[in-house]
Amino acid sequence: MRIARSLIDEMVGHAREEAPNECCGMLGGSDGEAAVVHRARNAEQSPLRYSIDAKEQFELMRRIEDSGQELVAIYHSHTGSAAYPSQTDVNLAAWPDAVYVIVSLTNPDEPDVRGFWIRDGKISDAELVVE
């Protein structure tokens, strides 16, 4: 997925603001390129997991579609673990065509941002081409 440095910075900023809890949100775009970050509220308010309230998720999807874009990625942070999907992340992955972006703040001065495909319970790397 192609993504602007400014969008990476926006997700990292969101992660830092929400710490010690995980942050979450969606990325709209098209043709494999992220164009806009849509922040969401972590309904779990937890440092260990995240979820987006169904009503907010519906509103974000509508906003993405109304702008002529599609859901290209779902992002969240890991405040105390690596930028790699947890078993909970895998169990809850419901969008096989979206990249799952994880922002790790284990080293807050050097956040690690990585992308993954999660399909049928299997994890594979999704390259993030930062432009």
N, C-alpha and C. Protein backbone atom coordinates (compact mmCIF):
# COMPACT_ATOMS: atom_id res chain seq x y z
N MET A 1 0.85 -1.17 0.00
CA MET A 1 0.00 0.00 0.00
C MET A 1 0.90 1.24 0.00
N ARG A 2 0.59 2.18 -0.85
CA ARG A 2 1.30 3.46 -0.86
C ARG A 2 0.65 4.38 0.17
N ILE A 3 1.51 5.08 0.91
CA ILE A 3 1.00 5.95 1.97
C ILE A 3 1.95 7.13 2.16
N ALA A 4 1.39 8.31 2.30
CA ALA A 4 2.20 9.51 2.51
C ALA A 4 2.77 9.53 3.92
N ARG A 5 3.96 10.06 4.06
CA ARG A 5 4.60 10.21 5.37
C ARG A 5 3.68 10.97 6.33
N SER A 6 2.94 11.94 5.83
CA SER A 6 2.06 12.73 6.70
C SER A 6 0.96 11.86 7.32
N LEU A 7 0.49 10.84 6.61
CA LEU A 7 -0.53 9.95 7.15
C LEU A 7 0.07 9.04 8.23
N ILE A 8 1.30 8.58 8.00
CA ILE A 8 2.01 7.81 9.02
C ILE A 8 2.15 8.66 10.28
N ASP A 9 2.58 9.91 10.08
CA ASP A 9 2.77 10.81 11.22
C ASP A 9 1.45 11.05 11.96
N GLU A 10 0.36 11.12 11.22
CA GLU A 10 -0.95 11.33 11.84
C GLU A 10 -1.36 10.13 12.70
N MET A 11 -1.10 8.92 12.20
CA MET A 11 -1.42 7.72 12.99
C MET A 11 -0.53 7.63 14.23
N VAL A 12 0.75 7.94 14.08
CA VAL A 12 1.66 7.93 15.22
C VAL A 12 1.22 8.96 16.26
N GLY A 13 0.83 10.14 15.80
CA GLY A 13 0.33 11.17 16.71
C GLY A 13 -0.90 10.71 17.46
N HIS A 14 -1.80 10.04 16.75
CA HIS A 14 -3.01 9.52 17.39
C HIS A 14 -2.63 8.49 18.45
N ALA A 15 -1.70 7.60 18.12
CA ALA A 15 -1.25 6.58 19.08
C ALA A 15 -0.67 7.22 20.33
N ARG A 16 0.14 8.24 20.14
CA ARG A 16 0.76 8.92 21.29
C ARG A 16 -0.29 9.61 22.15
N GLU A 17 -1.28 10.23 21.51
CA GLU A 17 -2.34 10.93 22.26
C GLU A 17 -3.17 9.98 23.11
N GLU A 18 -3.41 8.78 22.61
CA GLU A 18 -4.29 7.83 23.29
C GLU A 18 -3.55 6.97 24.32
N ALA A 19 -2.23 6.92 24.23
CA ALA A 19 -1.47 6.08 25.17
C ALA A 19 -1.79 6.48 26.60
N PRO A 20 -1.93 5.54 27.51
CA PRO A 20 -1.50 4.16 27.39
C PRO A 20 -2.50 3.23 26.71
N ASN A 21 -3.66 3.74 26.32
CA ASN A 21 -4.63 2.91 25.61
C ASN A 21 -4.29 2.81 24.13
N GLU A 22 -4.78 1.75 23.50
CA GLU A 22 -4.61 1.62 22.06
C GLU A 22 -5.51 2.62 21.35
N CYS A 23 -5.03 3.10 20.21
CA CYS A 23 -5.86 3.94 19.34
C CYS A 23 -6.32 3.08 18.18
N CYS A 24 -7.26 3.60 17.39
CA CYS A 24 -7.72 2.85 16.23
C CYS A 24 -8.36 3.81 15.23
N GLY A 25 -8.49 3.33 14.00
CA GLY A 25 -9.11 4.13 12.96
C GLY A 25 -9.06 3.41 11.62
N MET A 26 -9.48 4.12 10.60
CA MET A 26 -9.56 3.57 9.25
C MET A 26 -8.87 4.51 8.28
N LEU A 27 -8.38 3.93 7.19
CA LEU A 27 -7.77 4.72 6.13
C LEU A 27 -8.59 4.56 4.85
N GLY A 28 -8.98 5.69 4.29
CA GLY A 28 -9.67 5.68 3.02
C GLY A 28 -8.69 5.94 1.90
N GLY A 29 -8.99 5.44 0.73
CA GLY A 29 -8.13 5.65 -0.43
C GLY A 29 -8.66 4.88 -1.61
N SER A 30 -7.79 4.66 -2.58
CA SER A 30 -8.18 3.89 -3.77
C SER A 30 -6.93 3.38 -4.47
N ASP A 31 -7.13 2.34 -5.25
CA ASP A 31 -6.05 1.76 -6.05
C ASP A 31 -4.79 1.48 -5.23
N GLY A 32 -4.97 0.97 -4.02
CA GLY A 32 -3.83 0.61 -3.20
C GLY A 32 -3.07 1.77 -2.61
N GLU A 33 -3.69 2.94 -2.58
CA GLU A 33 -3.05 4.12 -2.00
C GLU A 33 -3.94 4.73 -0.93
N ALA A 34 -3.38 4.90 0.26
CA ALA A 34 -4.11 5.55 1.35
C ALA A 34 -4.14 7.05 1.10
N ALA A 35 -5.29 7.67 1.36
CA ALA A 35 -5.44 9.10 1.09
C ALA A 35 -5.81 9.91 2.33
N VAL A 36 -6.51 9.27 3.28
CA VAL A 36 -6.99 10.03 4.44
C VAL A 36 -7.12 9.11 5.65
N VAL A 37 -6.76 9.66 6.81
CA VAL A 37 -6.90 8.97 8.09
C VAL A 37 -8.23 9.38 8.70
N HIS A 38 -9.00 8.38 9.11
CA HIS A 38 -10.25 8.62 9.84
C HIS A 38 -10.06 8.05 11.24
N ARG A 39 -9.84 8.94 12.19
CA ARG A 39 -9.68 8.50 13.57
C ARG A 39 -10.99 7.95 14.11
N ALA A 40 -10.87 6.96 14.97
CA ALA A 40 -12.04 6.41 15.66
C ALA A 40 -11.75 6.43 17.15
N ARG A 41 -12.79 6.26 17.93
CA ARG A 41 -12.64 6.15 19.37
C ARG A 41 -12.55 4.66 19.72
N ASN A 42 -11.56 4.31 20.51
CA ASN A 42 -11.44 2.93 20.95
C ASN A 42 -12.52 2.66 22.00
N ALA A 43 -13.55 1.93 21.61
CA ALA A 43 -14.67 1.66 22.52
C ALA A 43 -14.22 0.84 23.73
N GLU A 44 -13.12 0.14 23.61
CA GLU A 44 -12.61 -0.67 24.73
C GLU A 44 -11.88 0.18 25.76
N GLN A 45 -11.34 1.33 25.33
CA GLN A 45 -10.52 2.18 26.19
C GLN A 45 -9.55 1.32 26.99
N SER A 46 -8.74 0.55 26.25
CA SER A 46 -7.87 -0.45 26.86
C SER A 46 -6.46 -0.38 26.27
N PRO A 47 -5.45 -0.68 27.06
CA PRO A 47 -4.09 -0.78 26.53
C PRO A 47 -3.83 -2.13 25.86
N LEU A 48 -4.80 -3.02 25.88
CA LEU A 48 -4.58 -4.37 25.37
C LEU A 48 -5.43 -4.74 24.16
N ARG A 49 -6.45 -3.97 23.87
CA ARG A 49 -7.31 -4.30 22.73
C ARG A 49 -8.06 -3.06 22.25
N TYR A 50 -8.64 -3.19 21.08
CA TYR A 50 -9.41 -2.07 20.52
C TYR A 50 -10.66 -2.61 19.84
N SER A 51 -11.64 -1.75 19.73
CA SER A 51 -12.80 -2.00 18.88
C SER A 51 -13.42 -0.65 18.55
N ILE A 52 -14.07 -0.61 17.41
CA ILE A 52 -14.77 0.59 16.98
C ILE A 52 -16.26 0.31 17.13
N ASP A 53 -16.96 1.18 17.84
CA ASP A 53 -18.39 1.05 18.02
C ASP A 53 -19.06 0.90 16.64
N ALA A 54 -20.03 0.02 16.55
CA ALA A 54 -20.69 -0.28 15.27
C ALA A 54 -21.26 0.97 14.61
N LYS A 55 -21.87 1.84 15.37
CA LYS A 55 -22.45 3.07 14.80
C LYS A 55 -21.34 3.97 14.23
N GLU A 56 -20.24 4.12 14.97
CA GLU A 56 -19.13 4.93 14.47
C GLU A 56 -18.49 4.28 13.24
N GLN A 57 -18.37 2.96 13.26
CA GLN A 57 -17.80 2.25 12.12
C GLN A 57 -18.65 2.48 10.88
N PHE A 58 -19.96 2.40 11.03
CA PHE A 58 -20.87 2.64 9.91
C PHE A 58 -20.69 4.06 9.38
N GLU A 59 -20.60 5.04 10.29
CA GLU A 59 -20.43 6.43 9.89
C GLU A 59 -19.11 6.65 9.14
N LEU A 60 -18.05 6.04 9.64
CA LEU A 60 -16.75 6.17 8.97
C LEU A 60 -16.78 5.54 7.58
N MET A 61 -17.39 4.37 7.47
CA MET A 61 -17.50 3.71 6.16
C MET A 61 -18.32 4.56 5.19
N ARG A 62 -19.39 5.16 5.69
CA ARG A 62 -20.20 6.02 4.84
C ARG A 62 -19.41 7.24 4.38
N ARG A 63 -18.65 7.82 5.30
CA ARG A 63 -17.82 8.98 4.96
C ARG A 63 -16.78 8.61 3.88
N ILE A 64 -16.16 7.44 4.03
CA ILE A 64 -15.18 6.98 3.05
C ILE A 64 -15.84 6.78 1.69
N GLU A 65 -16.96 6.09 1.67
CA GLU A 65 -17.65 5.81 0.41
C GLU A 65 -18.22 7.07 -0.22
N ASP A 66 -18.75 7.99 0.59
CA ASP A 66 -19.30 9.24 0.05
C ASP A 66 -18.23 10.09 -0.61
N SER A 67 -16.97 9.90 -0.21
CA SER A 67 -15.88 10.67 -0.81
C SER A 67 -15.33 9.98 -2.06
N GLY A 68 -15.98 8.88 -2.47
CA GLY A 68 -15.54 8.17 -3.66
C GLY A 68 -14.35 7.25 -3.42
N GLN A 69 -14.06 6.99 -2.17
CA GLN A 69 -12.93 6.13 -1.84
C GLN A 69 -13.44 4.79 -1.32
N GLU A 70 -12.48 3.96 -0.93
CA GLU A 70 -12.80 2.67 -0.33
C GLU A 70 -11.94 2.49 0.91
N LEU A 71 -12.32 1.55 1.74
CA LEU A 71 -11.52 1.23 2.92
C LEU A 71 -10.27 0.51 2.43
N VAL A 72 -9.09 1.11 2.65
CA VAL A 72 -7.85 0.46 2.24
C VAL A 72 -7.08 -0.10 3.43
N ALA A 73 -7.35 0.42 4.64
CA ALA A 73 -6.63 -0.08 5.81
C ALA A 73 -7.38 0.23 7.09
N ILE A 74 -7.10 -0.59 8.09
CA ILE A 74 -7.56 -0.38 9.46
C ILE A 74 -6.30 -0.28 10.30
N TYR A 75 -6.23 0.71 11.17
CA TYR A 75 -5.02 0.85 11.97
C TYR A 75 -5.35 0.84 13.45
N HIS A 76 -4.36 0.43 14.22
CA HIS A 76 -4.44 0.54 15.67
C HIS A 76 -3.01 0.53 16.22
N SER A 77 -2.91 0.82 17.50
CA SER A 77 -1.58 0.87 18.11
C SER A 77 -1.39 -0.27 19.08
N HIS A 78 -0.13 -0.59 19.29
CA HIS A 78 0.30 -1.49 20.36
C HIS A 78 1.19 -0.64 21.25
N THR A 79 0.79 -0.44 22.46
CA THR A 79 1.54 0.45 23.35
C THR A 79 2.66 -0.25 24.08
N GLY A 80 2.59 -1.57 24.17
CA GLY A 80 3.63 -2.27 24.91
C GLY A 80 4.15 -3.51 24.21
N SER A 81 3.82 -3.66 22.93
CA SER A 81 4.29 -4.83 22.20
C SER A 81 4.65 -4.43 20.77
N ALA A 82 5.28 -5.36 20.08
CA ALA A 82 5.78 -5.11 18.72
C ALA A 82 4.65 -4.83 17.73
N ALA A 83 5.03 -4.25 16.61
CA ALA A 83 4.10 -3.99 15.51
C ALA A 83 3.88 -5.29 14.74
N TYR A 84 3.15 -6.20 15.38
CA TYR A 84 2.82 -7.49 14.79
C TYR A 84 1.46 -7.90 15.36
N PRO A 85 0.58 -8.45 14.53
CA PRO A 85 -0.76 -8.79 15.01
C PRO A 85 -0.75 -9.80 16.15
N SER A 86 -1.51 -9.49 17.19
CA SER A 86 -1.71 -10.42 18.30
C SER A 86 -2.74 -11.45 17.88
N GLN A 87 -2.88 -12.49 18.69
CA GLN A 87 -3.91 -13.48 18.39
C GLN A 87 -5.29 -12.84 18.42
N THR A 88 -5.51 -11.89 19.32
CA THR A 88 -6.78 -11.16 19.37
C THR A 88 -7.00 -10.40 18.07
N ASP A 89 -5.94 -9.74 17.55
CA ASP A 89 -6.05 -9.02 16.28
C ASP A 89 -6.47 -9.97 15.16
N VAL A 90 -5.87 -11.14 15.13
CA VAL A 90 -6.18 -12.13 14.10
C VAL A 90 -7.63 -12.61 14.25
N ASN A 91 -8.03 -12.90 15.48
CA ASN A 91 -9.39 -13.40 15.72
C ASN A 91 -10.45 -12.39 15.32
N LEU A 92 -10.16 -11.12 15.45
CA LEU A 92 -11.16 -10.08 15.18
C LEU A 92 -11.06 -9.48 13.77
N ALA A 93 -10.09 -9.91 12.98
CA ALA A 93 -9.89 -9.36 11.64
C ALA A 93 -11.05 -9.76 10.73
N ALA A 94 -11.85 -8.77 10.34
CA ALA A 94 -13.06 -9.05 9.57
C ALA A 94 -13.02 -8.47 8.16
N TRP A 95 -11.95 -7.81 7.79
CA TRP A 95 -11.85 -7.14 6.49
C TRP A 95 -10.66 -7.72 5.72
N PRO A 96 -10.82 -8.83 5.00
CA PRO A 96 -9.68 -9.47 4.34
C PRO A 96 -9.04 -8.65 3.22
N ASP A 97 -9.75 -7.65 2.70
CA ASP A 97 -9.19 -6.83 1.63
C ASP A 97 -8.56 -5.54 2.14
N ALA A 98 -8.54 -5.36 3.45
CA ALA A 98 -7.92 -4.17 4.05
C ALA A 98 -6.58 -4.55 4.66
N VAL A 99 -5.63 -3.64 4.53
CA VAL A 99 -4.35 -3.81 5.21
C VAL A 99 -4.57 -3.45 6.68
N TYR A 100 -3.97 -4.22 7.57
CA TYR A 100 -4.01 -3.92 9.00
C TYR A 100 -2.69 -3.26 9.36
N VAL A 101 -2.75 -1.99 9.71
CA VAL A 101 -1.56 -1.22 10.06
C VAL A 101 -1.46 -1.17 11.58
N ILE A 102 -0.28 -1.48 12.09
CA ILE A 102 -0.05 -1.44 13.53
C ILE A 102 1.07 -0.46 13.82
N VAL A 103 0.80 0.44 14.76
CA VAL A 103 1.77 1.42 15.22
C VAL A 103 2.24 0.95 16.60
N SER A 104 3.52 0.56 16.70
CA SER A 104 4.05 0.13 17.99
C SER A 104 4.77 1.30 18.66
N LEU A 105 4.44 1.49 19.93
CA LEU A 105 5.09 2.54 20.73
C LEU A 105 5.99 1.94 21.81
N THR A 106 6.49 0.73 21.58
CA THR A 106 7.38 0.15 22.60
C THR A 106 8.61 1.03 22.80
N ASN A 107 9.05 1.70 21.74
CA ASN A 107 10.06 2.74 21.85
C ASN A 107 9.39 4.03 21.36
N PRO A 108 8.83 4.83 22.27
CA PRO A 108 8.06 6.01 21.87
C PRO A 108 8.82 7.01 21.01
N ASP A 109 10.16 7.03 21.14
CA ASP A 109 10.95 7.96 20.33
C ASP A 109 11.17 7.47 18.92
N GLU A 110 10.96 6.17 18.70
CA GLU A 110 11.11 5.58 17.36
C GLU A 110 9.97 4.60 17.11
N PRO A 111 8.77 5.12 16.87
CA PRO A 111 7.62 4.23 16.64
C PRO A 111 7.87 3.34 15.41
N ASP A 112 7.36 2.14 15.49
CA ASP A 112 7.47 1.17 14.40
C ASP A 112 6.08 1.03 13.78
N VAL A 113 5.98 1.26 12.48
CA VAL A 113 4.69 1.18 11.77
C VAL A 113 4.82 0.13 10.68
N ARG A 114 3.98 -0.89 10.77
CA ARG A 114 4.03 -1.99 9.79
C ARG A 114 2.62 -2.35 9.34
N GLY A 115 2.55 -2.95 8.15
CA GLY A 115 1.26 -3.37 7.60
C GLY A 115 1.20 -4.87 7.39
N PHE A 116 0.00 -5.41 7.51
CA PHE A 116 -0.21 -6.86 7.38
C PHE A 116 -1.52 -7.16 6.68
N TRP A 117 -1.54 -8.27 5.98
CA TRP A 117 -2.78 -8.86 5.51
C TRP A 117 -3.16 -9.91 6.55
N ILE A 118 -4.41 -9.95 6.93
CA ILE A 118 -4.90 -11.01 7.82
C ILE A 118 -6.09 -11.64 7.11
N ARG A 119 -5.84 -12.84 6.59
CA ARG A 119 -6.87 -13.54 5.82
C ARG A 119 -6.97 -14.98 6.29
N ASP A 120 -8.17 -15.39 6.61
CA ASP A 120 -8.42 -16.77 7.05
C ASP A 120 -7.50 -17.17 8.19
N GLY A 121 -7.27 -16.24 9.12
CA GLY A 121 -6.45 -16.53 10.29
C GLY A 121 -4.96 -16.55 10.04
N LYS A 122 -4.55 -16.22 8.82
CA LYS A 122 -3.12 -16.21 8.47
C LYS A 122 -2.62 -14.79 8.30
N ILE A 123 -1.41 -14.54 8.78
CA ILE A 123 -0.80 -13.21 8.73
C ILE A 123 0.29 -13.21 7.66
N SER A 124 0.29 -12.18 6.83
CA SER A 124 1.40 -11.99 5.89
C SER A 124 1.71 -10.49 5.82
N ASP A 125 2.96 -10.19 5.52
CA ASP A 125 3.39 -8.79 5.44
C ASP A 125 2.70 -8.08 4.29
N ALA A 126 2.31 -6.85 4.52
CA ALA A 126 1.78 -5.97 3.48
C ALA A 126 2.77 -4.80 3.40
N GLU A 127 3.41 -4.67 2.29
CA GLU A 127 4.41 -3.61 2.16
C GLU A 127 3.77 -2.23 2.24
N LEU A 128 4.35 -1.38 3.06
CA LEU A 128 3.94 0.03 3.13
C LEU A 128 5.00 0.82 2.37
N VAL A 129 4.60 1.41 1.26
CA VAL A 129 5.49 2.23 0.47
C VAL A 129 5.25 3.68 0.91
N VAL A 130 6.16 4.20 1.72
CA VAL A 130 6.00 5.55 2.27
C VAL A 130 6.54 6.56 1.29
N GLU A 131 5.68 7.48 0.90
CA GLU A 131 6.06 8.48 -0.11
C GLU A 131 6.11 9.86 0.49
